[in-house]
Amino acid sequence: MSRWIETWNPENESFWQATGKRIARRNLIWSILAENIGFSVWLIWSITATKLPSAGFKYTTDQLFALVSLPGLIGAIMRFPYTFAVPRFGGRNWTIVSALLLLIPTIALSVLVGHPETPFWLMMLAGATAGLGGGNFASSMANISFFYPDRKKGLALGLNAAGGNIGVSTVQLLVPLVIGIGGAGVHLQYAGMMWLPLIVVAALGATFFMDNLSTARSNFADQVAVARRKHTWIMSFLYVGTFGSFVGYSAAFPLLLKTQFPAVTASLAFLGPLVGSLARPVGGFLADRLGGARVTFWNFVFMALATVGVIYFIQDHVFAGFLGCFLVLFVATGIGNGSTFRMIPAIFRAESLRDFSGEEALARARRDSAAVIGISSAIGALGGFLIPRALGESIKATGGAGVAFGVFVVCYMLCVAVTWWYYLRSSFLAKLAPSLAHAKA
């Protein structure tokens, strides 16, 4: 059964109201489900690693932080081919494939966690395969960006990303509950097995209810051409600060709680990814109305301030203050995720309209935006590796995480400066295109 749509013009209001909106919504719903499971599998080791010692594994704290960081690195790498797969194979087709690939890390985890004698290198290899789940985000976001008109992209991409991001809090909430089913010890194999039927549902849903867009097809050369564009790398850098922080803190939060506040249960860790995920559509909504650059600028300011609060309370071992500041930080990462992604279509639409005209300009802008979204999401995902490693090294060297958080504050202030320099100065807007101001980048 062919699921290719040959004609797609969401910028045409008549087409959108008569046909486009219904089809786009259907694809968004199933995209969210597949991405949610992908995120759950990607971050499955963030909570599983905290349970390994109680299951008889003799890994050090540094090794555990390495185990939760590796899926972040592999996920970032996988996002590059996943981004380019959508225009090559079709969004629906690639959603089916990427969902079924999640069977590899879930089965590997289910097998290995039942053997405490498993060597660390083999467990790291199993953890690396969880990075396949991280690739799903890039292909999902690139695919959904084609379905929606520019005026709707902020909220649509925010909902798609939030639905996926909630997978982090889902896995951190449900795994501790599921592995305790049956009593008599910890059944870590359930942490992988619980996702198997959901993976099948996601693959079947994509098969029967999603579509491929012929208008989204482009060759590899056209896609990688955006790598020569300055704003591709500027936005990728900013996305490290927003999404990189979200996924990095999500991966490290359970182990951070366990090591810095041993008396507190790590099962509270799901709260951070939950509030961060719920805040993501808010970032897209605010960016649609106030301008992505403004929202991003002030969001980085709040991220820096919240991180200062985390440093203060973690040094004084005040859990309530630490948790409160960290939840504010998670909310800010979510809002920043939504606002930075809203900036990308506006920036590249303005650039395209500067160099081309009519439907050609809009089609080129959609292709460029999808490619940049994929590239920036791949680079941003490096935070899932860098943050847990930084925290692990800080704890190893000093006994605490304060040094790592101090570095993070400096990074956020650098993001504040970059956002202002490139996207808030009036000279930039005037030089790029007057329409950018109206597009509320």
Protein backbone atom coordinates (compact mmCIF):
# COMPACT_ATOMS: atom_id res chain seq x y z
CA MET A 1 0.00 0.00 0.00
CA SER A 2 1.46 3.33 -1.09
CA ARG A 3 1.30 6.15 1.42
CA TRP A 4 2.98 8.86 -0.67
CA ILE A 5 1.27 12.26 -0.95
CA GLU A 6 2.32 13.96 -4.17
CA THR A 7 0.94 17.48 -3.60
CA TRP A 8 1.38 19.30 -0.30
CA ASN A 9 1.00 23.05 0.17
CA PRO A 10 0.28 23.91 3.83
CA GLU A 11 0.85 27.63 3.24
CA ASN A 12 -2.32 27.67 1.11
CA GLU A 13 -5.09 28.40 3.60
CA SER A 14 -7.80 26.68 1.54
CA PHE A 15 -5.75 23.52 1.19
CA TRP A 16 -4.83 23.61 4.87
CA GLN A 17 -8.40 23.91 6.12
CA ALA A 18 -9.88 21.42 3.66
CA THR A 19 -7.24 18.69 3.74
CA GLY A 20 -3.88 19.58 5.21
CA LYS A 21 -4.78 20.14 8.85
CA ARG A 22 -6.43 16.74 9.28
CA ILE A 23 -3.56 14.82 7.67
CA ALA A 24 -0.91 16.81 9.55
CA ARG A 25 -2.63 16.17 12.89
CA ARG A 26 -2.83 12.42 12.23
CA ASN A 27 0.86 12.23 11.39
CA LEU A 28 1.73 14.35 14.41
CA ILE A 29 -0.12 12.02 16.80
CA TRP A 30 1.68 8.88 15.64
CA SER A 31 4.98 10.70 15.38
CA ILE A 32 4.65 11.70 19.04
CA LEU A 33 4.01 8.11 20.10
CA ALA A 34 7.02 6.74 18.20
CA GLU A 35 9.25 9.53 19.46
CA ASN A 36 8.05 9.06 23.03
CA ILE A 37 9.11 5.42 22.99
CA GLY A 38 12.40 6.40 21.35
CA PHE A 39 13.17 8.82 24.18
CA SER A 40 12.20 6.22 26.77
CA VAL A 41 14.64 3.73 25.31
CA TRP A 42 17.34 6.39 24.85
CA LEU A 43 17.25 7.32 28.55
CA ILE A 44 16.49 3.86 29.89
CA TRP A 45 19.97 3.53 31.39
CA SER A 46 19.61 6.77 33.34
CA ILE A 47 17.42 4.96 35.86
CA THR A 48 18.56 1.37 35.26
CA ALA A 49 22.17 2.27 36.14
CA THR A 50 21.12 3.43 39.61
CA LYS A 51 19.71 -0.06 40.29
CA LEU A 52 22.71 -2.07 39.09
CA PRO A 53 24.53 -2.06 42.48
CA SER A 54 21.47 -3.49 44.24
CA ALA A 55 21.34 -6.20 41.55
CA GLY A 56 24.88 -7.30 42.35
CA PHE A 57 26.93 -5.35 39.80
CA LYS A 58 30.28 -4.04 41.12
CA TYR A 59 30.65 -0.96 38.93
CA THR A 60 32.18 2.25 40.32
CA THR A 61 30.31 5.59 40.45
CA ASP A 62 32.44 6.89 37.58
CA GLN A 63 31.59 3.82 35.52
CA LEU A 64 27.89 4.33 36.19
CA PHE A 65 28.09 7.94 34.99
CA ALA A 66 29.93 6.70 31.89
CA LEU A 67 27.16 4.18 31.28
CA VAL A 68 24.41 6.81 31.37
CA SER A 69 26.43 9.23 29.21
CA LEU A 70 27.29 6.88 26.33
CA PRO A 71 23.73 6.65 24.89
CA GLY A 72 23.79 10.45 24.67
CA LEU A 73 26.91 10.40 22.50
CA ILE A 74 25.65 7.62 20.23
CA GLY A 75 22.23 9.27 20.01
CA ALA A 76 23.84 12.51 18.86
CA ILE A 77 25.80 10.68 16.17
CA MET A 78 22.74 8.74 14.98
CA ARG A 79 20.75 11.92 14.52
CA PHE A 80 22.76 12.87 11.44
CA PRO A 81 21.79 9.84 9.32
CA TYR A 82 18.28 9.85 10.79
CA THR A 83 17.77 13.45 9.64
CA PHE A 84 18.84 12.66 6.09
CA ALA A 85 16.75 9.47 6.03
CA VAL A 86 13.41 11.33 6.00
CA PRO A 87 13.84 13.04 2.60
CA ARG A 88 15.49 9.90 1.23
CA PHE A 89 13.04 7.20 2.36
CA GLY A 90 9.95 9.12 3.51
CA GLY A 91 8.81 10.11 6.99
CA ARG A 92 6.36 7.25 7.41
CA ASN A 93 8.76 4.62 6.12
CA TRP A 94 11.59 5.77 8.34
CA THR A 95 9.32 5.94 11.41
CA ILE A 96 8.55 2.24 10.92
CA VAL A 97 12.24 1.31 10.60
CA SER A 98 13.42 3.50 13.48
CA ALA A 99 10.72 2.09 15.78
CA LEU A 100 11.65 -1.51 15.04
CA LEU A 101 15.34 -0.77 15.64
CA LEU A 102 14.45 -0.08 19.27
CA LEU A 103 14.05 -3.83 19.75
CA ILE A 104 17.86 -4.10 19.78
CA PRO A 105 18.63 -2.05 22.94
CA THR A 106 15.58 -3.27 24.85
CA ILE A 107 16.34 -6.95 24.26
CA ALA A 108 20.06 -6.42 24.98
CA LEU A 109 19.24 -4.78 28.32
CA SER A 110 16.76 -7.49 29.25
CA VAL A 111 19.38 -10.19 28.71
CA LEU A 112 22.46 -8.59 30.30
CA VAL A 113 21.03 -7.12 33.51
CA GLY A 114 20.25 -10.62 34.73
CA HIS A 115 23.95 -11.46 34.86
CA PRO A 116 25.95 -9.50 37.49
CA GLU A 117 29.16 -10.99 36.12
CA THR A 118 28.67 -9.09 32.84
CA PRO A 119 31.93 -7.25 32.04
CA PHE A 120 31.67 -3.48 31.96
CA TRP A 121 32.69 -3.23 28.29
CA LEU A 122 29.79 -5.45 27.25
CA MET A 123 27.33 -3.45 29.33
CA MET A 124 28.67 -0.29 27.70
CA LEU A 125 28.06 -1.86 24.29
CA ALA A 126 24.46 -2.57 25.25
CA GLY A 127 24.12 0.97 26.56
CA ALA A 128 25.47 2.32 23.28
CA THR A 129 22.65 0.67 21.32
CA ALA A 130 20.16 2.73 23.37
CA GLY A 131 21.48 5.68 21.34
CA LEU A 132 19.28 4.43 18.50
CA GLY A 133 16.35 5.90 20.43
CA GLY A 134 18.03 9.30 20.39
CA GLY A 135 18.07 9.33 16.61
CA ASN A 136 14.26 9.15 16.46
CA PHE A 137 13.91 12.77 17.57
CA ALA A 138 15.81 14.20 14.60
CA SER A 139 13.86 12.27 11.98
CA SER A 140 10.55 12.93 13.72
CA MET A 141 11.09 16.69 13.99
CA ALA A 142 12.38 16.97 10.44
CA ASN A 143 9.37 15.03 9.18
CA ILE A 144 6.72 17.00 11.08
CA SER A 145 8.27 20.33 10.02
CA PHE A 146 7.22 19.53 6.43
CA PHE A 147 3.57 19.01 7.34
CA TYR A 148 2.82 22.36 9.00
CA PRO A 149 2.74 25.94 7.66
CA ASP A 150 5.29 28.38 9.07
CA ARG A 151 2.69 30.12 11.23
CA LYS A 152 1.87 26.80 12.96
CA LYS A 153 5.34 25.30 13.24
CA GLY A 154 6.19 26.64 16.69
CA LEU A 155 3.33 24.91 18.48
CA ALA A 156 3.41 21.78 16.27
CA LEU A 157 7.12 21.20 16.77
CA GLY A 158 6.73 22.02 20.45
CA LEU A 159 3.99 19.42 20.88
CA ASN A 160 5.95 16.83 18.91
CA ALA A 161 9.08 17.43 20.94
CA ALA A 162 7.22 17.57 24.26
CA GLY A 163 5.44 14.31 23.54
CA GLY A 164 8.80 12.72 22.88
CA ASN A 165 10.57 14.36 25.80
CA ILE A 166 7.92 13.06 28.20
CA GLY A 167 9.33 9.63 27.41
CA VAL A 168 12.24 10.55 29.70
CA SER A 169 10.00 11.10 32.71
CA THR A 170 7.94 8.07 31.71
CA VAL A 171 10.91 5.72 31.85
CA GLN A 172 12.19 7.22 35.10
CA LEU A 173 8.77 6.92 36.73
CA LEU A 174 7.69 3.50 35.47
CA VAL A 175 10.93 1.48 35.50
CA PRO A 176 11.32 1.61 39.33
CA LEU A 177 7.72 0.43 39.64
CA VAL A 178 7.89 -2.31 37.02
CA ILE A 179 11.17 -3.87 38.18
CA GLY A 180 9.63 -4.38 41.61
CA ILE A 181 6.69 -6.41 40.31
CA GLY A 182 6.67 -9.89 41.79
CA GLY A 183 8.66 -8.97 44.89
CA ALA A 184 11.75 -10.92 46.02
CA GLY A 185 14.41 -8.58 44.71
CA VAL A 186 14.91 -6.34 41.72
CA HIS A 187 13.84 -7.68 38.32
CA LEU A 188 15.88 -5.39 36.07
CA GLN A 189 15.08 -7.40 32.94
CA TYR A 190 11.56 -5.95 33.07
CA ALA A 191 13.06 -2.52 32.38
CA GLY A 192 13.68 -3.62 28.80
CA MET A 193 10.84 -6.07 28.29
CA MET A 194 8.13 -3.54 29.18
CA TRP A 195 8.76 -1.57 25.98
CA LEU A 196 8.54 -4.47 23.50
CA PRO A 197 4.75 -4.39 22.90
CA LEU A 198 4.75 -0.58 22.70
CA ILE A 199 7.46 -0.67 20.03
CA VAL A 200 5.28 -2.99 17.96
CA VAL A 201 2.27 -0.67 18.40
CA ALA A 202 4.33 2.33 17.25
CA ALA A 203 5.56 0.50 14.15
CA LEU A 204 2.05 -0.65 13.24
CA GLY A 205 0.60 2.81 13.85
CA ALA A 206 3.16 4.36 11.52
CA THR A 207 2.44 1.70 8.92
CA PHE A 208 -1.30 2.30 8.76
CA PHE A 209 -1.74 5.95 9.75
CA MET A 210 1.29 7.99 8.66
CA ASP A 211 2.23 9.38 5.24
CA ASN A 212 5.28 10.19 3.14
CA LEU A 213 5.48 13.57 1.39
CA SER A 214 6.93 13.65 -2.11
CA THR A 215 7.52 17.39 -1.69
CA ALA A 216 9.89 16.62 1.18
CA ARG A 217 12.23 14.61 -1.00
CA SER A 218 15.66 16.06 -1.71
CA ASN A 219 19.07 14.69 -2.53
CA PHE A 220 21.92 14.43 -0.07
CA ALA A 221 23.84 17.33 -1.62
CA ASP A 222 20.90 19.71 -1.12
CA GLN A 223 20.59 18.70 2.51
CA VAL A 224 24.24 18.98 3.48
CA ALA A 225 24.45 22.36 1.73
CA VAL A 226 23.00 23.94 4.89
CA ALA A 227 26.22 22.95 6.67
CA ARG A 228 27.87 25.87 4.86
CA ARG A 229 25.39 28.34 6.36
CA LYS A 230 26.48 30.37 9.35
CA HIS A 231 23.14 30.26 11.11
CA THR A 232 23.11 26.45 11.01
CA TRP A 233 26.02 26.38 13.45
CA ILE A 234 24.89 29.32 15.55
CA MET A 235 21.53 27.69 16.16
CA SER A 236 23.21 24.34 16.79
CA PHE A 237 25.32 25.97 19.49
CA LEU A 238 22.27 27.51 21.14
CA TYR A 239 20.48 24.18 20.97
CA VAL A 240 23.29 22.56 22.92
CA GLY A 241 22.42 25.05 25.66
CA THR A 242 18.70 24.22 25.64
CA PHE A 243 18.06 20.66 24.50
CA GLY A 244 21.58 19.55 25.41
CA SER A 245 20.90 20.70 28.96
CA PHE A 246 17.54 18.95 29.04
CA VAL A 247 18.78 15.56 27.90
CA GLY A 248 22.05 15.84 29.84
CA TYR A 249 20.36 16.69 33.12
CA SER A 250 17.71 14.04 32.46
CA ALA A 251 20.38 11.39 32.05
CA ALA A 252 22.39 12.48 35.09
CA PHE A 253 19.64 13.50 37.52
CA PRO A 254 18.92 10.06 39.06
CA LEU A 255 22.61 9.37 39.72
CA LEU A 256 23.14 12.94 40.91
CA LEU A 257 20.40 12.50 43.50
CA LYS A 258 21.79 9.14 44.55
CA THR A 259 25.35 10.43 45.03
CA GLN A 260 24.71 13.92 46.43
CA PHE A 261 21.59 13.21 48.51
CA PRO A 262 21.79 9.51 49.44
CA ALA A 263 18.86 9.76 51.85
CA VAL A 264 16.53 10.85 49.03
CA THR A 265 15.00 8.30 46.68
CA ALA A 266 16.15 8.60 43.07
CA SER A 267 12.59 7.84 41.95
CA LEU A 268 11.90 11.58 42.28
CA ALA A 269 14.12 12.12 39.25
CA PHE A 270 11.18 11.84 36.85
CA LEU A 271 9.88 15.24 38.02
CA GLY A 272 12.64 17.14 36.22
CA PRO A 273 12.11 15.70 32.71
CA LEU A 274 8.34 15.90 33.23
CA VAL A 275 8.21 19.66 33.90
CA GLY A 276 10.82 20.27 31.20
CA SER A 277 8.77 18.34 28.65
CA LEU A 278 5.51 20.08 29.56
CA ALA A 279 7.22 23.46 29.23
CA ARG A 280 8.39 22.81 25.68
CA PRO A 281 5.11 23.68 23.89
CA VAL A 282 4.97 26.81 26.07
CA GLY A 283 8.31 27.86 24.56
CA GLY A 284 6.97 27.36 21.04
CA PHE A 285 3.74 29.19 21.91
CA LEU A 286 5.59 32.17 23.41
CA ALA A 287 8.01 32.27 20.47
CA ASP A 288 5.12 32.36 17.99
CA ARG A 289 3.80 35.47 19.73
CA LEU A 290 6.76 37.27 21.30
CA GLY A 291 9.58 36.23 19.01
CA GLY A 292 11.92 33.27 19.37
CA ALA A 293 15.05 35.34 19.90
CA ARG A 294 13.55 37.33 22.79
CA VAL A 295 12.26 34.23 24.53
CA THR A 296 15.57 32.41 24.02
CA PHE A 297 17.62 35.36 25.31
CA TRP A 298 15.73 35.72 28.59
CA ASN A 299 15.44 31.97 28.97
CA PHE A 300 19.22 31.60 29.01
CA VAL A 301 19.39 34.33 31.66
CA PHE A 302 17.02 32.33 33.87
CA MET A 303 18.96 29.14 33.21
CA ALA A 304 22.15 30.79 34.45
CA LEU A 305 20.40 32.11 37.57
CA ALA A 306 18.78 28.75 38.34
CA THR A 307 22.15 27.02 37.98
CA VAL A 308 23.70 29.46 40.47
CA GLY A 309 20.93 28.43 42.86
CA VAL A 310 21.71 24.75 42.26
CA ILE A 311 25.38 25.39 43.12
CA TYR A 312 24.46 27.18 46.35
CA PHE A 313 22.07 24.52 47.61
CA ILE A 314 24.11 21.51 46.55
CA GLN A 315 27.13 22.86 48.43
CA ASP A 316 25.02 23.44 51.56
CA HIS A 317 23.24 20.07 51.07
CA VAL A 318 19.79 21.67 51.26
CA PHE A 319 17.65 19.26 49.27
CA ALA A 320 14.46 21.33 49.04
CA GLY A 321 16.33 24.33 47.62
CA PHE A 322 18.35 22.11 45.28
CA LEU A 323 15.25 20.37 43.94
CA GLY A 324 13.36 23.65 43.51
CA CYS A 325 16.18 25.30 41.55
CA PHE A 326 16.73 22.19 39.46
CA LEU A 327 13.04 22.03 38.53
CA VAL A 328 13.18 25.70 37.49
CA LEU A 329 16.23 24.82 35.41
CA PHE A 330 14.35 21.94 33.77
CA VAL A 331 11.40 24.23 32.97
CA ALA A 332 13.80 26.70 31.36
CA THR A 333 15.38 23.98 29.23
CA GLY A 334 11.92 23.06 27.96
CA ILE A 335 10.94 26.63 27.12
CA GLY A 336 14.31 27.16 25.43
CA ASN A 337 13.86 24.00 23.38
CA GLY A 338 10.62 25.32 21.97
CA SER A 339 11.85 28.86 21.31
CA THR A 340 15.12 27.86 19.60
CA PHE A 341 13.34 25.45 17.27
CA ARG A 342 10.83 28.17 16.40
CA MET A 343 13.70 30.45 15.40
CA ILE A 344 15.02 28.09 12.74
CA PRO A 345 12.08 28.18 10.26
CA ALA A 346 11.80 31.97 10.60
CA ILE A 347 15.51 32.57 10.01
CA PHE A 348 15.77 30.34 6.96
CA ARG A 349 12.47 31.55 5.52
CA ALA A 350 13.79 35.11 5.66
CA GLU A 351 17.07 34.10 4.04
CA SER A 352 15.27 32.17 1.33
CA LEU A 353 12.94 35.08 0.56
CA ARG A 354 15.99 37.30 0.27
CA ASP A 355 17.52 35.13 -2.44
CA PHE A 356 14.46 33.61 -4.15
CA SER A 357 10.78 34.37 -4.66
CA GLY A 358 7.37 32.76 -4.67
CA GLU A 359 6.77 29.07 -4.08
CA GLU A 360 10.40 28.23 -4.85
CA ALA A 361 11.52 30.32 -1.89
CA LEU A 362 9.00 28.72 0.47
CA ALA A 363 9.81 25.17 -0.67
CA ARG A 364 13.53 25.81 -0.28
CA ALA A 365 12.95 27.30 3.17
CA ARG A 366 11.03 24.20 4.29
CA ARG A 367 13.79 21.86 3.06
CA ASP A 368 16.54 23.98 4.62
CA SER A 369 14.69 24.30 7.92
CA ALA A 370 14.12 20.54 8.16
CA ALA A 371 17.81 19.85 7.50
CA VAL A 372 18.94 22.46 10.03
CA ILE A 373 16.50 21.13 12.63
CA GLY A 374 18.05 17.70 12.21
CA ILE A 375 21.64 18.93 12.34
CA SER A 376 21.07 21.18 15.33
CA SER A 377 19.21 18.45 17.20
CA ALA A 378 22.15 16.10 16.58
CA ILE A 379 24.70 18.57 17.90
CA GLY A 380 22.43 19.56 20.77
CA ALA A 381 22.12 15.92 21.80
CA LEU A 382 25.82 15.96 22.68
CA GLY A 383 24.69 17.47 25.96
CA GLY A 384 23.41 14.01 26.85
CA PHE A 385 27.03 12.89 26.85
CA LEU A 386 28.88 16.02 28.00
CA ILE A 387 26.81 16.87 31.08
CA PRO A 388 26.88 13.42 32.75
CA ARG A 389 30.60 13.12 31.99
CA ALA A 390 31.29 16.60 33.41
CA LEU A 391 29.33 15.81 36.56
CA GLY A 392 31.02 12.44 36.93
CA GLU A 393 34.49 13.96 36.55
CA SER A 394 33.64 16.77 38.97
CA ILE A 395 32.45 14.32 41.62
CA LYS A 396 35.47 12.10 41.03
CA ALA A 397 37.95 15.00 41.36
CA THR A 398 36.34 17.10 44.09
CA GLY A 399 33.68 14.92 45.70
CA GLY A 400 30.94 17.30 44.53
CA ALA A 401 29.25 18.59 41.39
CA GLY A 402 29.80 22.33 42.03
CA VAL A 403 32.70 22.73 39.59
CA ALA A 404 30.70 21.24 36.72
CA PHE A 405 27.71 23.48 37.43
CA GLY A 406 30.04 26.50 37.51
CA VAL A 407 31.14 25.65 33.97
CA PHE A 408 27.50 25.35 32.94
CA VAL A 409 26.78 28.89 34.20
CA VAL A 410 29.58 30.26 32.02
CA CYS A 411 28.17 28.37 29.01
CA TYR A 412 24.67 29.81 29.55
CA MET A 413 26.01 33.36 29.75
CA LEU A 414 27.88 32.75 26.50
CA CYS A 415 24.57 31.65 24.95
CA VAL A 416 23.00 34.90 26.20
CA ALA A 417 25.72 36.89 24.44
CA VAL A 418 25.45 34.90 21.18
CA THR A 419 21.66 35.23 21.07
CA TRP A 420 21.84 38.98 21.56
CA TRP A 421 24.68 39.49 19.10
CA TYR A 422 23.17 37.61 16.18
CA TYR A 423 19.40 37.79 16.66
CA LEU A 424 18.45 40.79 18.78
CA ARG A 425 20.62 43.58 17.48
CA SER A 426 18.58 45.80 15.17
CA SER A 427 21.45 45.94 12.70
CA PHE A 428 21.20 42.17 12.19
CA LEU A 429 17.48 42.31 11.49
CA ALA A 430 17.89 45.20 9.08
CA LYS A 431 20.70 43.49 7.19
CA LEU A 432 19.09 40.06 7.02
CA ALA A 433 15.57 41.03 5.99
CA PRO A 434 12.81 43.26 7.32
CA SER A 435 10.47 40.29 7.05
CA LEU A 436 12.39 38.51 9.78
CA ALA A 437 11.04 40.90 12.34
CA HIS A 438 7.48 40.11 11.21
CA ALA A 439 8.24 36.40 11.21
CA LYS A 440 9.14 36.82 14.88
CA ALA A 441 12.36 34.89 14.78
